[in-house]
Amino acid sequence: MESRIAIANLPPMSLLGHLTVVFLYPQDPVNIAATVRAMKNMGVGDLRLVKPCPYDPFRIEGVAHDTREIVER
């Protein structure tokens, strides 16, 4: 099972915006949130979760502040 979180509002010229981060078997939603926050800070464009633990987008936004608009379920 694979989940996908898309990151929006990237700078138009960001080279990192073309990268995909693959996170294998994340065991804690806090780790997912930290990854989303780092990706937003660096302008990375795509996150794929492979067999993630159950997570709630609301909790991810609670840990990774100011990411509500960029985390799509």
C-alpha atoms as a PDB file:
ATOM      1  CA  MET A   1       0.000   0.000   0.000  1.00  0.00           C
ATOM      2  CA  GLU A   2       1.332   3.419  -0.932  1.00  0.00           C
ATOM      3  CA  SER A   3       0.088   6.830   0.164  1.00  0.00           C
ATOM      4  CA  ARG A   4       0.977  10.068  -1.491  1.00  0.00           C
ATOM      5  CA  ILE A   5       1.213  13.575  -0.105  1.00  0.00           C
ATOM      6  CA  ALA A   6       1.590  16.364  -2.628  1.00  0.00           C
ATOM      7  CA  ILE A   7       3.343  19.581  -1.715  1.00  0.00           C
ATOM      8  CA  ALA A   8       1.874  22.709  -3.317  1.00  0.00           C
ATOM      9  CA  ASN A   9       2.981  26.336  -3.666  1.00  0.00           C
ATOM     10  CA  LEU A  10       6.566  25.595  -4.671  1.00  0.00           C
ATOM     11  CA  PRO A  11       8.811  28.299  -6.037  1.00  0.00           C
ATOM     12  CA  PRO A  12       8.536  28.082  -9.850  1.00  0.00           C
ATOM     13  CA  MET A  13      12.297  27.666 -10.432  1.00  0.00           C
ATOM     14  CA  SER A  14      13.032  25.203  -7.638  1.00  0.00           C
ATOM     15  CA  LEU A  15      15.217  22.320  -8.813  1.00  0.00           C
ATOM     16  CA  LEU A  16      14.243  20.434  -5.665  1.00  0.00           C
ATOM     17  CA  GLY A  17      10.629  20.692  -6.781  1.00  0.00           C
ATOM     18  CA  HIS A  18      11.329  17.874  -9.225  1.00  0.00           C
ATOM     19  CA  LEU A  19      12.455  15.408  -6.549  1.00  0.00           C
ATOM     20  CA  THR A  20      10.379  12.667  -4.968  1.00  0.00           C
ATOM     21  CA  VAL A  21      11.071  11.653  -1.379  1.00  0.00           C
ATOM     22  CA  VAL A  22      10.194   8.017  -0.646  1.00  0.00           C
ATOM     23  CA  PHE A  23       9.591   7.242   3.019  1.00  0.00           C
ATOM     24  CA  LEU A  24       9.578   3.492   3.705  1.00  0.00           C
ATOM     25  CA  TYR A  25       7.535   2.131   6.599  1.00  0.00           C
ATOM     26  CA  PRO A  26       7.200   5.314   8.689  1.00  0.00           C
ATOM     27  CA  GLN A  27       6.249   4.179  12.185  1.00  0.00           C
ATOM     28  CA  ASP A  28       5.138   7.471  13.731  1.00  0.00           C
ATOM     29  CA  PRO A  29       3.039  10.318  12.300  1.00  0.00           C
ATOM     30  CA  VAL A  30       5.474  12.765  13.913  1.00  0.00           C
ATOM     31  CA  ASN A  31       8.162  11.485  11.536  1.00  0.00           C
ATOM     32  CA  ILE A  32       5.839  12.069   8.586  1.00  0.00           C
ATOM     33  CA  ALA A  33       5.132  15.600   9.834  1.00  0.00           C
ATOM     34  CA  ALA A  34       8.837  16.369  10.242  1.00  0.00           C
ATOM     35  CA  THR A  35       9.455  15.193   6.699  1.00  0.00           C
ATOM     36  CA  VAL A  36       6.617  17.345   5.321  1.00  0.00           C
ATOM     37  CA  ARG A  37       7.958  20.384   7.210  1.00  0.00           C
ATOM     38  CA  ALA A  38      11.506  19.860   5.901  1.00  0.00           C
ATOM     39  CA  MET A  39      10.197  19.367   2.376  1.00  0.00           C
ATOM     40  CA  LYS A  40       8.226  22.609   2.528  1.00  0.00           C
ATOM     41  CA  ASN A  41      11.265  24.486   3.836  1.00  0.00           C
ATOM     42  CA  MET A  42      13.440  23.168   1.012  1.00  0.00           C
ATOM     43  CA  GLY A  43      10.890  23.303  -1.825  1.00  0.00           C
ATOM     44  CA  VAL A  44      10.832  19.547  -2.440  1.00  0.00           C
ATOM     45  CA  GLY A  45       7.826  18.608  -4.516  1.00  0.00           C
ATOM     46  CA  ASP A  46       6.598  15.090  -3.791  1.00  0.00           C
ATOM     47  CA  LEU A  47       6.429  12.650  -0.876  1.00  0.00           C
ATOM     48  CA  ARG A  48       5.506   8.999  -1.212  1.00  0.00           C
ATOM     49  CA  LEU A  49       4.753   6.933   1.866  1.00  0.00           C
ATOM     50  CA  VAL A  50       5.226   3.174   1.517  1.00  0.00           C
ATOM     51  CA  LYS A  51       3.222   1.167   4.047  1.00  0.00           C
ATOM     52  CA  PRO A  52       2.860   4.029   6.527  1.00  0.00           C
ATOM     53  CA  CYS A  53       1.437   3.733   9.999  1.00  0.00           C
ATOM     54  CA  PRO A  54      -2.085   5.120  10.335  1.00  0.00           C
ATOM     55  CA  TYR A  55      -1.937   8.918  10.333  1.00  0.00           C
ATOM     56  CA  ASP A  56      -4.323  11.838  10.538  1.00  0.00           C
ATOM     57  CA  PRO A  57      -3.616  14.887   8.340  1.00  0.00           C
ATOM     58  CA  PHE A  58      -4.878  17.103  11.190  1.00  0.00           C
ATOM     59  CA  ARG A  59      -2.193  15.715  13.507  1.00  0.00           C
ATOM     60  CA  ILE A  60       0.477  16.173  10.843  1.00  0.00           C
ATOM     61  CA  GLU A  61      -0.513  19.839  10.516  1.00  0.00           C
ATOM     62  CA  GLY A  62      -0.488  20.176  14.303  1.00  0.00           C
ATOM     63  CA  VAL A  63       3.142  19.060  14.436  1.00  0.00           C
ATOM     64  CA  ALA A  64       4.300  20.640  11.167  1.00  0.00           C
ATOM     65  CA  HIS A  65       2.700  24.058  11.574  1.00  0.00           C
ATOM     66  CA  ASP A  66       1.645  26.027   8.520  1.00  0.00           C
ATOM     67  CA  THR A  67       1.340  22.967   6.286  1.00  0.00           C
ATOM     68  CA  ARG A  68      -2.448  22.522   6.317  1.00  0.00           C
ATOM     69  CA  GLU A  69      -2.824  23.970   2.835  1.00  0.00           C
ATOM     70  CA  ILE A  70      -0.082  21.801   1.360  1.00  0.00           C
ATOM     71  CA  VAL A  71      -0.903  18.391   2.821  1.00  0.00           C
ATOM     72  CA  GLU A  72      -3.422  16.608   0.651  1.00  0.00           C
ATOM     73  CA  ARG A  73      -4.856  13.352   1.732  1.00  0.00           C
END
